[in-house]
Amino acid sequence: MRIASAIWRRSQGSAAPVIKVFHRPIERDWVRVFLMFALGLILLGNVVAPLAAAAQNLGTSPQFGQAVQGQQATTVEGTVLNIVNWGCNVIAPVIAVACLGVAGWHFKSGRGYLGWGVTGVALMVISGLGRMAEGFITQAQGIQ
């Protein structure tokens, strides 16, 4: 079995050496340095903050070791109330504002914006209904 020698043959010309020279800027980019420092602080805070958190603020005063007043965080009811509270008061409004921002951006650039707008408004409605139900529960009087 013979292998074609052209495959193994080196080229006749020599390759020119490639020399890359990187020049450092004379001045520092202080904006980049500041942004990298701020990013480092944010990442450090995300690691340290859960270790330093001792209580949740669920009203006018922090409730230590409880999900909602009268409920333990380890019970199913307390967990569900925590999830509903977090979803209606934090997650839904933040995503709604993001969706409305994207809808405005799409409207400005001439693309389809209606789906983003409807999603943002629907999330705000969900947040409002959850907060309304929470208010009804905390202000409820006993039915006689």
C-alpha atoms as a PDB file:
ATOM      1  CA  MET A   1       0.000   0.000   0.000  1.00  0.00           C
ATOM      2  CA  ARG A   2       1.470   3.297  -1.069  1.00  0.00           C
ATOM      3  CA  ILE A   3       0.630   6.718   0.351  1.00  0.00           C
ATOM      4  CA  ALA A   4       0.966   9.682  -1.917  1.00  0.00           C
ATOM      5  CA  SER A   5       4.098  11.530  -0.972  1.00  0.00           C
ATOM      6  CA  ALA A   6       2.530  14.910  -1.718  1.00  0.00           C
ATOM      7  CA  ILE A   7       0.527  14.668   1.453  1.00  0.00           C
ATOM      8  CA  TRP A   8       3.602  14.295   3.621  1.00  0.00           C
ATOM      9  CA  ARG A   9       5.854  16.670   1.741  1.00  0.00           C
ATOM     10  CA  ARG A  10       6.609  20.035   3.309  1.00  0.00           C
ATOM     11  CA  SER A  11       6.151  23.185   1.317  1.00  0.00           C
ATOM     12  CA  GLN A  12       9.161  24.526  -0.527  1.00  0.00           C
ATOM     13  CA  GLY A  13       8.864  28.084   0.798  1.00  0.00           C
ATOM     14  CA  SER A  14       9.557  28.965   4.381  1.00  0.00           C
ATOM     15  CA  ALA A  15       6.777  30.443   6.433  1.00  0.00           C
ATOM     16  CA  ALA A  16       7.309  33.979   7.631  1.00  0.00           C
ATOM     17  CA  PRO A  17       7.351  34.209  11.411  1.00  0.00           C
ATOM     18  CA  VAL A  18       4.290  35.877  12.877  1.00  0.00           C
ATOM     19  CA  ILE A  19       5.115  38.390  15.556  1.00  0.00           C
ATOM     20  CA  LYS A  20       2.248  40.051  17.393  1.00  0.00           C
ATOM     21  CA  VAL A  21       3.012  43.095  19.430  1.00  0.00           C
ATOM     22  CA  PHE A  22       0.434  44.263  21.924  1.00  0.00           C
ATOM     23  CA  HIS A  23       0.666  47.883  22.924  1.00  0.00           C
ATOM     24  CA  ARG A  24      -0.654  48.893  26.315  1.00  0.00           C
ATOM     25  CA  PRO A  25      -2.557  52.147  26.502  1.00  0.00           C
ATOM     26  CA  ILE A  26      -0.681  54.984  28.121  1.00  0.00           C
ATOM     27  CA  GLU A  27      -3.587  55.883  30.423  1.00  0.00           C
ATOM     28  CA  ARG A  28      -5.757  53.557  32.465  1.00  0.00           C
ATOM     29  CA  ASP A  29      -9.406  53.138  31.563  1.00  0.00           C
ATOM     30  CA  TRP A  30     -10.803  54.252  34.895  1.00  0.00           C
ATOM     31  CA  VAL A  31     -14.409  53.612  33.887  1.00  0.00           C
ATOM     32  CA  ARG A  32     -13.572  49.973  33.200  1.00  0.00           C
ATOM     33  CA  VAL A  33     -11.623  49.704  36.449  1.00  0.00           C
ATOM     34  CA  PHE A  34     -14.574  51.143  38.389  1.00  0.00           C
ATOM     35  CA  LEU A  35     -17.068  48.835  36.664  1.00  0.00           C
ATOM     36  CA  MET A  36     -14.918  45.784  37.382  1.00  0.00           C
ATOM     37  CA  PHE A  37     -14.619  46.843  41.030  1.00  0.00           C
ATOM     38  CA  ALA A  38     -18.391  47.352  41.275  1.00  0.00           C
ATOM     39  CA  LEU A  39     -19.008  43.949  39.677  1.00  0.00           C
ATOM     40  CA  GLY A  40     -16.634  42.363  42.184  1.00  0.00           C
ATOM     41  CA  LEU A  41     -18.519  43.993  45.066  1.00  0.00           C
ATOM     42  CA  ILE A  42     -21.839  42.772  43.673  1.00  0.00           C
ATOM     43  CA  LEU A  43     -20.564  39.217  43.339  1.00  0.00           C
ATOM     44  CA  LEU A  44     -19.062  39.323  46.823  1.00  0.00           C
ATOM     45  CA  GLY A  45     -22.333  40.693  48.194  1.00  0.00           C
ATOM     46  CA  ASN A  46     -24.276  37.866  46.569  1.00  0.00           C
ATOM     47  CA  VAL A  47     -22.071  35.375  48.380  1.00  0.00           C
ATOM     48  CA  VAL A  48     -21.991  37.134  51.762  1.00  0.00           C
ATOM     49  CA  ALA A  49     -25.586  38.457  51.950  1.00  0.00           C
ATOM     50  CA  PRO A  50     -27.314  35.095  52.439  1.00  0.00           C
ATOM     51  CA  LEU A  51     -24.928  34.339  55.267  1.00  0.00           C
ATOM     52  CA  ALA A  52     -25.656  37.654  56.952  1.00  0.00           C
ATOM     53  CA  ALA A  53     -29.438  37.589  56.514  1.00  0.00           C
ATOM     54  CA  ALA A  54     -31.127  36.748  59.791  1.00  0.00           C
ATOM     55  CA  ALA A  55     -34.782  37.693  59.315  1.00  0.00           C
ATOM     56  CA  GLN A  56     -37.466  38.547  56.798  1.00  0.00           C
ATOM     57  CA  ASN A  57     -39.293  41.828  56.861  1.00  0.00           C
ATOM     58  CA  LEU A  58     -42.957  40.903  56.586  1.00  0.00           C
ATOM     59  CA  GLY A  59     -44.661  44.060  57.706  1.00  0.00           C
ATOM     60  CA  THR A  60     -43.783  46.791  60.125  1.00  0.00           C
ATOM     61  CA  SER A  61     -41.342  44.645  62.068  1.00  0.00           C
ATOM     62  CA  PRO A  62     -39.137  41.700  61.136  1.00  0.00           C
ATOM     63  CA  GLN A  63     -40.528  38.267  61.952  1.00  0.00           C
ATOM     64  CA  PHE A  64     -37.720  35.920  62.934  1.00  0.00           C
ATOM     65  CA  GLY A  65     -38.122  32.294  61.855  1.00  0.00           C
ATOM     66  CA  GLN A  66     -41.648  32.751  60.503  1.00  0.00           C
ATOM     67  CA  ALA A  67     -42.974  32.906  56.962  1.00  0.00           C
ATOM     68  CA  VAL A  68     -46.078  34.907  57.823  1.00  0.00           C
ATOM     69  CA  GLN A  69     -47.381  35.890  61.229  1.00  0.00           C
ATOM     70  CA  GLY A  70     -48.896  32.795  62.765  1.00  0.00           C
ATOM     71  CA  GLN A  71     -47.288  30.397  60.281  1.00  0.00           C
ATOM     72  CA  GLN A  72     -44.004  28.564  60.522  1.00  0.00           C
ATOM     73  CA  ALA A  73     -41.675  28.688  57.533  1.00  0.00           C
ATOM     74  CA  THR A  74     -41.299  24.904  57.664  1.00  0.00           C
ATOM     75  CA  THR A  75     -45.004  24.143  57.198  1.00  0.00           C
ATOM     76  CA  VAL A  76     -46.668  23.768  53.816  1.00  0.00           C
ATOM     77  CA  GLU A  77     -48.949  26.739  54.503  1.00  0.00           C
ATOM     78  CA  GLY A  78     -46.041  28.981  55.424  1.00  0.00           C
ATOM     79  CA  THR A  79     -44.089  27.931  52.347  1.00  0.00           C
ATOM     80  CA  VAL A  80     -47.034  28.557  50.029  1.00  0.00           C
ATOM     81  CA  LEU A  81     -47.671  31.955  51.615  1.00  0.00           C
ATOM     82  CA  ASN A  82     -43.991  32.824  51.199  1.00  0.00           C
ATOM     83  CA  ILE A  83     -44.032  31.826  47.522  1.00  0.00           C
ATOM     84  CA  VAL A  84     -47.234  33.762  46.819  1.00  0.00           C
ATOM     85  CA  ASN A  85     -45.930  36.799  48.700  1.00  0.00           C
ATOM     86  CA  TRP A  86     -42.601  36.709  46.851  1.00  0.00           C
ATOM     87  CA  GLY A  87     -44.235  36.108  43.462  1.00  0.00           C
ATOM     88  CA  CYS A  88     -46.855  38.844  43.767  1.00  0.00           C
ATOM     89  CA  ASN A  89     -44.698  41.466  45.442  1.00  0.00           C
ATOM     90  CA  VAL A  90     -41.327  40.942  43.739  1.00  0.00           C
ATOM     91  CA  ILE A  91     -41.163  38.637  40.748  1.00  0.00           C
ATOM     92  CA  ALA A  92     -44.306  39.624  38.820  1.00  0.00           C
ATOM     93  CA  PRO A  93     -43.737  43.423  38.998  1.00  0.00           C
ATOM     94  CA  VAL A  94     -40.074  43.139  38.011  1.00  0.00           C
ATOM     95  CA  ILE A  95     -40.830  40.945  34.994  1.00  0.00           C
ATOM     96  CA  ALA A  96     -43.802  43.185  34.110  1.00  0.00           C
ATOM     97  CA  VAL A  97     -41.614  46.285  34.025  1.00  0.00           C
ATOM     98  CA  ALA A  98     -39.079  44.423  31.887  1.00  0.00           C
ATOM     99  CA  CYS A  99     -41.816  43.303  29.457  1.00  0.00           C
ATOM    100  CA  LEU A 100     -43.209  46.834  29.197  1.00  0.00           C
ATOM    101  CA  GLY A 101     -39.713  48.157  28.563  1.00  0.00           C
ATOM    102  CA  VAL A 102     -39.176  45.628  25.787  1.00  0.00           C
ATOM    103  CA  ALA A 103     -42.599  46.543  24.350  1.00  0.00           C
ATOM    104  CA  GLY A 104     -41.581  50.209  24.267  1.00  0.00           C
ATOM    105  CA  TRP A 105     -38.294  49.320  22.598  1.00  0.00           C
ATOM    106  CA  HIS A 106     -40.067  47.192  19.986  1.00  0.00           C
ATOM    107  CA  PHE A 107     -42.618  49.960  19.366  1.00  0.00           C
ATOM    108  CA  LYS A 108     -39.831  52.465  18.835  1.00  0.00           C
ATOM    109  CA  SER A 109     -37.994  50.198  16.393  1.00  0.00           C
ATOM    110  CA  GLY A 110     -41.160  49.299  14.449  1.00  0.00           C
ATOM    111  CA  ARG A 111     -41.418  45.654  15.471  1.00  0.00           C
ATOM    112  CA  GLY A 112     -44.268  43.723  17.052  1.00  0.00           C
ATOM    113  CA  TYR A 113     -44.871  45.035  20.553  1.00  0.00           C
ATOM    114  CA  LEU A 114     -48.382  43.938  21.450  1.00  0.00           C
ATOM    115  CA  GLY A 115     -47.420  40.544  22.928  1.00  0.00           C
ATOM    116  CA  TRP A 116     -44.812  42.111  25.221  1.00  0.00           C
ATOM    117  CA  GLY A 117     -47.255  44.837  26.289  1.00  0.00           C
ATOM    118  CA  VAL A 118     -50.085  42.420  27.035  1.00  0.00           C
ATOM    119  CA  THR A 119     -47.725  40.175  29.003  1.00  0.00           C
ATOM    120  CA  GLY A 120     -46.492  43.136  31.078  1.00  0.00           C
ATOM    121  CA  VAL A 121     -50.017  44.341  31.829  1.00  0.00           C
ATOM    122  CA  ALA A 122     -51.170  40.785  32.663  1.00  0.00           C
ATOM    123  CA  LEU A 123     -48.288  40.370  35.123  1.00  0.00           C
ATOM    124  CA  MET A 124     -49.207  43.665  36.792  1.00  0.00           C
ATOM    125  CA  VAL A 125     -52.828  42.464  37.063  1.00  0.00           C
ATOM    126  CA  ILE A 126     -51.660  39.182  38.601  1.00  0.00           C
ATOM    127  CA  SER A 127     -49.507  41.123  41.057  1.00  0.00           C
ATOM    128  CA  GLY A 128     -52.399  43.415  41.944  1.00  0.00           C
ATOM    129  CA  LEU A 129     -54.827  40.538  42.446  1.00  0.00           C
ATOM    130  CA  GLY A 130     -52.354  38.729  44.683  1.00  0.00           C
ATOM    131  CA  ARG A 131     -51.788  41.845  46.761  1.00  0.00           C
ATOM    132  CA  MET A 132     -55.544  42.430  46.953  1.00  0.00           C
ATOM    133  CA  ALA A 133     -56.104  38.864  48.187  1.00  0.00           C
ATOM    134  CA  GLU A 134     -53.295  39.333  50.705  1.00  0.00           C
ATOM    135  CA  GLY A 135     -55.000  42.512  51.944  1.00  0.00           C
ATOM    136  CA  PHE A 136     -58.348  40.753  52.226  1.00  0.00           C
ATOM    137  CA  ILE A 137     -56.786  37.956  54.250  1.00  0.00           C
ATOM    138  CA  THR A 138     -54.945  40.261  56.649  1.00  0.00           C
ATOM    139  CA  GLN A 139     -57.966  42.566  57.104  1.00  0.00           C
ATOM    140  CA  ALA A 140     -60.623  39.814  57.253  1.00  0.00           C
ATOM    141  CA  GLN A 141     -63.148  39.795  60.051  1.00  0.00           C
ATOM    142  CA  GLY A 142     -64.657  36.623  61.412  1.00  0.00           C
ATOM    143  CA  ILE A 143     -67.907  35.593  59.697  1.00  0.00           C
ATOM    144  CA  GLN A 144     -70.664  34.969  62.183  1.00  0.00           C
END
